[in-house]
């Protein structure tokens, strides 16, 4: 990765680091199943991080800090858009209720 970032720098290209989270973390969560999002029946979702857990938030912070060193720029992308896909089953909501909550919060749908 360092070679790619250096090559890009020499060619005036900015490489922005990214770790898609809290979803798409199957590889990382394989070693930390206790951090996986669990539905109301206790079924774990192998690629989604349970961001309600303090340990999961520490895990995110540590992961970002580790990879941040590879990207010298001032920007970082953390994804976070993928959690809404399929979240209704885990959060016990419906798309209509989620839209209403987002609308009240001013965050769109």
C-alpha atoms as a PDB file:
ATOM      1  CA  UNK A   1       0.000   0.000   0.000  1.00  0.00           C
ATOM      2  CA  UNK A   2       2.832   2.386   0.829  1.00  0.00           C
ATOM      3  CA  UNK A   3       4.216   1.922  -2.700  1.00  0.00           C
ATOM      4  CA  UNK A   4       0.837   2.764  -4.241  1.00  0.00           C
ATOM      5  CA  UNK A   5       0.468   5.889  -2.106  1.00  0.00           C
ATOM      6  CA  UNK A   6       4.013   7.002  -2.968  1.00  0.00           C
ATOM      7  CA  UNK A   7       3.465   6.364  -6.686  1.00  0.00           C
ATOM      8  CA  UNK A   8       0.251   8.380  -6.529  1.00  0.00           C
ATOM      9  CA  UNK A   9       1.988  11.227  -4.683  1.00  0.00           C
ATOM     10  CA  UNK A  10       4.672  11.423  -7.360  1.00  0.00           C
ATOM     11  CA  UNK A  11       1.904  11.767  -9.965  1.00  0.00           C
ATOM     12  CA  UNK A  12      -0.098  14.341  -7.982  1.00  0.00           C
ATOM     13  CA  UNK A  13      -2.865  11.888  -7.141  1.00  0.00           C
ATOM     14  CA  UNK A  14      -4.438  11.821  -3.697  1.00  0.00           C
ATOM     15  CA  UNK A  15      -5.216   8.364  -2.321  1.00  0.00           C
ATOM     16  CA  UNK A  16      -7.948   8.486   0.296  1.00  0.00           C
ATOM     17  CA  UNK A  17      -8.014   5.676   2.819  1.00  0.00           C
ATOM     18  CA  UNK A  18     -11.260   3.844   3.414  1.00  0.00           C
ATOM     19  CA  UNK A  19     -12.564   0.985   5.497  1.00  0.00           C
ATOM     20  CA  UNK A  20     -16.206   0.191   4.862  1.00  0.00           C
ATOM     21  CA  UNK A  21     -17.824  -0.027   8.234  1.00  0.00           C
ATOM     22  CA  UNK A  22     -19.897  -0.921  10.138  1.00  0.00           C
ATOM     23  CA  UNK A  23     -20.825  -3.344   7.342  1.00  0.00           C
ATOM     24  CA  UNK A  24     -18.499  -5.296   5.041  1.00  0.00           C
ATOM     25  CA  UNK A  25     -16.231  -6.287   7.926  1.00  0.00           C
ATOM     26  CA  UNK A  26     -16.548 -10.066   7.578  1.00  0.00           C
ATOM     27  CA  UNK A  27     -12.780 -10.661   7.467  1.00  0.00           C
ATOM     28  CA  UNK A  28     -12.057  -8.486  10.494  1.00  0.00           C
ATOM     29  CA  UNK A  29     -15.065  -9.716  12.478  1.00  0.00           C
ATOM     30  CA  UNK A  30     -14.129 -13.344  11.879  1.00  0.00           C
ATOM     31  CA  UNK A  31     -11.522 -12.849  14.596  1.00  0.00           C
ATOM     32  CA  UNK A  32     -13.973 -10.874  16.780  1.00  0.00           C
ATOM     33  CA  UNK A  33     -17.400 -12.564  16.640  1.00  0.00           C
ATOM     34  CA  UNK A  34     -18.347 -10.896  19.923  1.00  0.00           C
ATOM     35  CA  UNK A  35     -18.491  -7.588  18.026  1.00  0.00           C
ATOM     36  CA  UNK A  36     -20.916  -8.821  15.356  1.00  0.00           C
ATOM     37  CA  UNK A  37     -24.378  -7.283  15.173  1.00  0.00           C
ATOM     38  CA  UNK A  38     -26.944  -9.656  16.669  1.00  0.00           C
ATOM     39  CA  UNK A  39     -30.648  -9.724  15.816  1.00  0.00           C
ATOM     40  CA  UNK A  40     -33.443 -10.081  18.367  1.00  0.00           C
ATOM     41  CA  UNK A  41     -33.209 -13.898  18.101  1.00  0.00           C
ATOM     42  CA  UNK A  42     -29.491 -13.824  18.940  1.00  0.00           C
ATOM     43  CA  UNK A  43     -28.357 -14.595  15.377  1.00  0.00           C
ATOM     44  CA  UNK A  44     -25.072 -12.892  14.547  1.00  0.00           C
ATOM     45  CA  UNK A  45     -24.536 -11.079  11.254  1.00  0.00           C
ATOM     46  CA  UNK A  46     -20.993 -12.060  10.255  1.00  0.00           C
ATOM     47  CA  UNK A  47     -20.161  -8.892   8.326  1.00  0.00           C
ATOM     48  CA  UNK A  48     -21.828  -6.169  10.408  1.00  0.00           C
ATOM     49  CA  UNK A  49     -20.298  -4.519  13.452  1.00  0.00           C
ATOM     50  CA  UNK A  50     -22.544  -3.805  16.436  1.00  0.00           C
ATOM     51  CA  UNK A  51     -21.761  -0.124  16.917  1.00  0.00           C
ATOM     52  CA  UNK A  52     -23.771  -0.062  20.154  1.00  0.00           C
ATOM     53  CA  UNK A  53     -20.914  -1.917  21.869  1.00  0.00           C
ATOM     54  CA  UNK A  54     -18.135   0.225  23.375  1.00  0.00           C
ATOM     55  CA  UNK A  55     -15.644  -2.512  22.420  1.00  0.00           C
ATOM     56  CA  UNK A  56     -16.826  -2.284  18.794  1.00  0.00           C
ATOM     57  CA  UNK A  57     -16.265   1.464  18.743  1.00  0.00           C
ATOM     58  CA  UNK A  58     -12.770   0.972  20.187  1.00  0.00           C
ATOM     59  CA  UNK A  59     -12.160  -1.677  17.520  1.00  0.00           C
ATOM     60  CA  UNK A  60     -13.154   0.846  14.808  1.00  0.00           C
ATOM     61  CA  UNK A  61     -10.941   3.525  16.279  1.00  0.00           C
ATOM     62  CA  UNK A  62      -7.954   1.189  16.523  1.00  0.00           C
ATOM     63  CA  UNK A  63      -8.477  -0.089  12.986  1.00  0.00           C
ATOM     64  CA  UNK A  64      -8.695   3.427  11.564  1.00  0.00           C
ATOM     65  CA  UNK A  65      -5.654   4.619  13.531  1.00  0.00           C
ATOM     66  CA  UNK A  66      -3.652   1.658  12.248  1.00  0.00           C
ATOM     67  CA  UNK A  67      -4.500   2.328   8.607  1.00  0.00           C
ATOM     68  CA  UNK A  68      -4.491   6.120   8.873  1.00  0.00           C
ATOM     69  CA  UNK A  69      -0.698   6.027   9.023  1.00  0.00           C
ATOM     70  CA  UNK A  70      -0.625   4.681   5.460  1.00  0.00           C
ATOM     71  CA  UNK A  71      -2.486   7.676   4.012  1.00  0.00           C
ATOM     72  CA  UNK A  72      -0.778  11.046   4.548  1.00  0.00           C
ATOM     73  CA  UNK A  73      -3.679  13.162   3.297  1.00  0.00           C
ATOM     74  CA  UNK A  74      -6.172  15.004   5.452  1.00  0.00           C
ATOM     75  CA  UNK A  75      -9.187  12.949   4.324  1.00  0.00           C
ATOM     76  CA  UNK A  76     -10.518   9.553   5.334  1.00  0.00           C
ATOM     77  CA  UNK A  77     -13.649   7.720   4.202  1.00  0.00           C
ATOM     78  CA  UNK A  78     -15.388   5.400   6.641  1.00  0.00           C
ATOM     79  CA  UNK A  79     -18.261   4.175   4.492  1.00  0.00           C
ATOM     80  CA  UNK A  80     -21.214   3.778   6.866  1.00  0.00           C
ATOM     81  CA  UNK A  81     -23.816   3.843   4.097  1.00  0.00           C
ATOM     82  CA  UNK A  82     -24.198   0.073   3.905  1.00  0.00           C
ATOM     83  CA  UNK A  83     -25.660  -0.449   7.360  1.00  0.00           C
ATOM     84  CA  UNK A  84     -29.152   0.604   6.308  1.00  0.00           C
ATOM     85  CA  UNK A  85     -29.375  -2.279   3.819  1.00  0.00           C
ATOM     86  CA  UNK A  86     -31.087  -5.038   5.767  1.00  0.00           C
ATOM     87  CA  UNK A  87     -30.987  -3.079   9.009  1.00  0.00           C
ATOM     88  CA  UNK A  88     -34.755  -3.289   9.496  1.00  0.00           C
ATOM     89  CA  UNK A  89     -34.570  -6.973  10.436  1.00  0.00           C
ATOM     90  CA  UNK A  90     -31.877  -6.270  12.996  1.00  0.00           C
ATOM     91  CA  UNK A  91     -33.277  -3.041  14.374  1.00  0.00           C
ATOM     92  CA  UNK A  92     -36.888  -4.174  14.488  1.00  0.00           C
ATOM     93  CA  UNK A  93     -38.027  -1.311  12.284  1.00  0.00           C
ATOM     94  CA  UNK A  94     -39.886  -0.969   9.031  1.00  0.00           C
ATOM     95  CA  UNK A  95     -38.803   1.141   6.052  1.00  0.00           C
ATOM     96  CA  UNK A  96     -41.718   3.506   6.744  1.00  0.00           C
ATOM     97  CA  UNK A  97     -40.761   3.968  10.386  1.00  0.00           C
ATOM     98  CA  UNK A  98     -37.115   4.512   9.435  1.00  0.00           C
ATOM     99  CA  UNK A  99     -38.114   7.174   6.862  1.00  0.00           C
ATOM    100  CA  UNK A 100     -40.254   8.905   9.485  1.00  0.00           C
ATOM    101  CA  UNK A 101     -37.398   8.873  12.001  1.00  0.00           C
ATOM    102  CA  UNK A 102     -34.956  10.208   9.404  1.00  0.00           C
ATOM    103  CA  UNK A 103     -37.426  12.872   8.377  1.00  0.00           C
ATOM    104  CA  UNK A 104     -37.857  14.028  11.979  1.00  0.00           C
ATOM    105  CA  UNK A 105     -34.089  14.076  12.414  1.00  0.00           C
ATOM    106  CA  UNK A 106     -33.633  15.996   9.175  1.00  0.00           C
ATOM    107  CA  UNK A 107     -31.385  13.338   7.664  1.00  0.00           C
ATOM    108  CA  UNK A 108     -33.485  12.359   4.640  1.00  0.00           C
ATOM    109  CA  UNK A 109     -34.492   8.749   3.953  1.00  0.00           C
END
